[in-house]
N, C-alpha and C. Protein backbone atom coordinates (compact mmCIF):
# COMPACT_ATOMS: atom_id res chain seq x y z
N MET A 1 98.42 149.16 128.67
CA MET A 1 99.81 149.28 128.30
C MET A 1 100.01 148.67 126.91
N GLN A 2 100.66 149.39 126.06
CA GLN A 2 100.87 148.97 124.69
C GLN A 2 102.24 148.32 124.54
N MET A 3 102.29 147.29 123.65
CA MET A 3 103.56 146.61 123.41
C MET A 3 104.43 147.48 122.50
N PRO A 4 105.71 147.45 122.70
CA PRO A 4 106.59 148.21 121.79
C PRO A 4 106.53 147.63 120.38
N LYS A 5 106.85 148.45 119.40
CA LYS A 5 106.75 148.04 118.00
C LYS A 5 107.64 146.85 117.68
N THR A 6 108.79 146.74 118.24
CA THR A 6 109.67 145.61 117.95
C THR A 6 109.08 144.31 118.46
N LEU A 7 108.42 144.37 119.63
CA LEU A 7 107.79 143.18 120.18
C LEU A 7 106.59 142.78 119.33
N GLN A 8 105.83 143.77 118.83
CA GLN A 8 104.69 143.48 117.97
C GLN A 8 105.15 142.84 116.66
N SER A 9 106.18 143.41 116.06
CA SER A 9 106.66 142.86 114.80
C SER A 9 107.27 141.48 114.99
N LEU A 10 107.95 141.26 116.11
CA LEU A 10 108.51 139.95 116.41
C LEU A 10 107.40 138.92 116.61
N THR A 11 106.34 139.31 117.31
CA THR A 11 105.20 138.41 117.51
C THR A 11 104.52 138.10 116.19
N LEU A 12 104.35 139.12 115.36
CA LEU A 12 103.71 138.93 114.07
C LEU A 12 104.54 138.00 113.17
N CYS A 13 105.84 138.20 113.16
CA CYS A 13 106.72 137.35 112.35
C CYS A 13 106.70 135.90 112.84
N SER A 14 106.71 135.71 114.13
CA SER A 14 106.69 134.34 114.66
C SER A 14 105.36 133.66 114.36
N LEU A 15 104.25 134.39 114.43
CA LEU A 15 102.95 133.80 114.07
C LEU A 15 102.91 133.43 112.59
N MET A 16 103.46 134.28 111.74
CA MET A 16 103.48 133.97 110.31
C MET A 16 104.34 132.75 110.02
N LEU A 17 105.46 132.62 110.70
CA LEU A 17 106.31 131.44 110.52
C LEU A 17 105.61 130.17 110.97
N MET A 18 104.87 130.24 112.07
CA MET A 18 104.13 129.06 112.55
C MET A 18 103.04 128.67 111.57
N LEU A 19 102.34 129.66 111.01
CA LEU A 19 101.30 129.36 110.04
C LEU A 19 101.89 128.78 108.75
N ALA A 20 103.02 129.28 108.33
CA ALA A 20 103.66 128.76 107.12
C ALA A 20 104.17 127.34 107.34
N ALA A 21 104.60 127.03 108.54
CA ALA A 21 105.10 125.68 108.84
C ALA A 21 103.96 124.67 108.85
N CYS A 22 102.76 125.10 109.13
CA CYS A 22 101.62 124.18 109.20
C CYS A 22 100.93 124.00 107.85
N ALA A 23 101.35 124.70 106.82
CA ALA A 23 100.70 124.61 105.52
C ALA A 23 101.00 123.25 104.89
N PRO A 24 99.99 122.56 104.37
CA PRO A 24 100.22 121.25 103.75
C PRO A 24 100.92 121.41 102.40
N THR A 25 101.74 120.44 102.05
CA THR A 25 102.43 120.45 100.76
C THR A 25 102.08 119.18 99.99
N VAL A 26 102.02 119.31 98.69
CA VAL A 26 101.73 118.17 97.81
C VAL A 26 102.96 117.96 96.93
N GLN A 27 103.46 116.73 96.92
CA GLN A 27 104.63 116.41 96.11
C GLN A 27 104.24 115.37 95.07
N VAL A 28 104.64 115.62 93.84
CA VAL A 28 104.41 114.68 92.75
C VAL A 28 105.75 114.05 92.40
N ALA A 29 105.82 112.72 92.51
CA ALA A 29 107.08 112.03 92.25
C ALA A 29 106.92 111.10 91.05
N VAL A 30 107.93 111.04 90.23
CA VAL A 30 107.95 110.15 89.06
C VAL A 30 108.44 108.78 89.52
N PRO A 31 107.78 107.68 89.09
CA PRO A 31 108.24 106.35 89.51
C PRO A 31 109.62 106.03 88.92
N ASN A 32 110.37 105.22 89.64
CA ASN A 32 111.72 104.85 89.20
C ASN A 32 111.68 103.84 88.05
N GLU A 33 110.69 102.95 88.04
CA GLU A 33 110.58 101.92 87.02
C GLU A 33 109.54 102.34 85.98
N PRO A 34 109.73 101.97 84.72
CA PRO A 34 108.73 102.32 83.70
C PRO A 34 107.45 101.53 83.88
N ILE A 35 106.37 102.06 83.38
CA ILE A 35 105.07 101.40 83.46
C ILE A 35 105.02 100.32 82.37
N THR A 36 104.66 99.10 82.75
CA THR A 36 104.57 98.00 81.78
C THR A 36 103.10 97.66 81.54
N ILE A 37 102.80 97.36 80.29
CA ILE A 37 101.43 96.99 79.92
C ILE A 37 101.47 95.55 79.41
N ASN A 38 100.66 94.69 80.01
CA ASN A 38 100.63 93.28 79.66
C ASN A 38 99.58 93.07 78.57
N LEU A 39 100.00 92.58 77.41
CA LEU A 39 99.09 92.38 76.29
C LEU A 39 98.75 90.91 76.06
N ASN A 40 98.94 90.07 77.06
CA ASN A 40 98.66 88.64 76.90
C ASN A 40 97.19 88.37 76.64
N VAL A 41 96.31 89.20 77.13
CA VAL A 41 94.87 88.97 76.94
C VAL A 41 94.51 89.04 75.47
N LYS A 42 95.07 89.98 74.76
CA LYS A 42 94.78 90.11 73.34
C LYS A 42 95.31 88.90 72.56
N ILE A 43 96.48 88.43 72.90
CA ILE A 43 97.07 87.28 72.20
C ILE A 43 96.23 86.03 72.45
N GLU A 44 95.80 85.80 73.67
CA GLU A 44 94.97 84.63 73.98
C GLU A 44 93.65 84.71 73.24
N HIS A 45 93.11 85.91 73.11
CA HIS A 45 91.85 86.08 72.41
C HIS A 45 92.00 85.69 70.94
N GLU A 46 93.08 86.08 70.31
CA GLU A 46 93.31 85.71 68.92
C GLU A 46 93.47 84.21 68.77
N ILE A 47 94.13 83.57 69.70
CA ILE A 47 94.31 82.11 69.65
C ILE A 47 92.96 81.42 69.77
N LEU A 48 92.12 81.88 70.65
CA LEU A 48 90.80 81.27 70.81
C LEU A 48 89.96 81.43 69.55
N ILE A 49 90.06 82.56 68.89
CA ILE A 49 89.30 82.77 67.65
C ILE A 49 89.79 81.81 66.56
N LYS A 50 91.11 81.62 66.45
CA LYS A 50 91.64 80.73 65.43
C LYS A 50 91.21 79.28 65.69
N VAL A 51 91.27 78.84 66.93
CA VAL A 51 90.86 77.48 67.28
C VAL A 51 89.37 77.30 67.03
N ASP A 52 88.58 78.29 67.37
CA ASP A 52 87.13 78.21 67.17
C ASP A 52 86.81 78.12 65.68
N LYS A 53 87.51 78.86 64.85
CA LYS A 53 87.28 78.82 63.41
C LYS A 53 87.67 77.45 62.84
N GLU A 54 88.77 76.88 63.32
CA GLU A 54 89.18 75.55 62.85
C GLU A 54 88.15 74.50 63.23
N ILE A 55 87.57 74.61 64.40
CA ILE A 55 86.54 73.64 64.82
C ILE A 55 85.30 73.79 63.96
N ASP A 56 84.91 75.02 63.65
CA ASP A 56 83.76 75.24 62.78
C ASP A 56 84.00 74.64 61.39
N ASP A 57 85.21 74.84 60.86
CA ASP A 57 85.53 74.27 59.55
C ASP A 57 85.50 72.74 59.59
N LEU A 58 85.98 72.16 60.67
CA LEU A 58 85.97 70.71 60.82
C LEU A 58 84.54 70.18 60.85
N PHE A 59 83.65 70.86 61.55
CA PHE A 59 82.26 70.42 61.62
C PHE A 59 81.57 70.56 60.26
N GLU A 60 81.95 71.58 59.50
CA GLU A 60 81.34 71.74 58.18
C GLU A 60 81.79 70.64 57.22
N GLU A 61 83.07 70.27 57.31
CA GLU A 61 83.57 69.21 56.43
C GLU A 61 83.00 67.85 56.81
N ASN A 62 82.89 67.58 58.09
CA ASN A 62 82.39 66.29 58.56
C ASN A 62 81.08 66.51 59.31
N SER A 63 80.05 66.82 58.57
CA SER A 63 78.77 67.12 59.21
C SER A 63 78.10 65.87 59.78
N ASP A 64 78.55 64.69 59.39
CA ASP A 64 77.93 63.46 59.90
C ASP A 64 78.48 63.05 61.27
N LEU A 65 79.41 63.84 61.85
CA LEU A 65 79.94 63.50 63.17
C LEU A 65 78.87 63.64 64.25
N PHE A 66 78.02 64.64 64.13
CA PHE A 66 76.98 64.85 65.15
C PHE A 66 75.62 64.80 64.53
């Protein structure tokens, strides 16, 4: 016994809707807050270089300390 065409099309439509409902979706969202970059490492590095240079100059001027 064959199903009537309306029942076949109804079954086909319902299967397609079920398959479409199961499809995964990917959403890309923009953050609410801006991205901040911390540059303290660079500043500390410059301070260490300046202090190191001053110590080298001090040792050159007073070489009899050590």
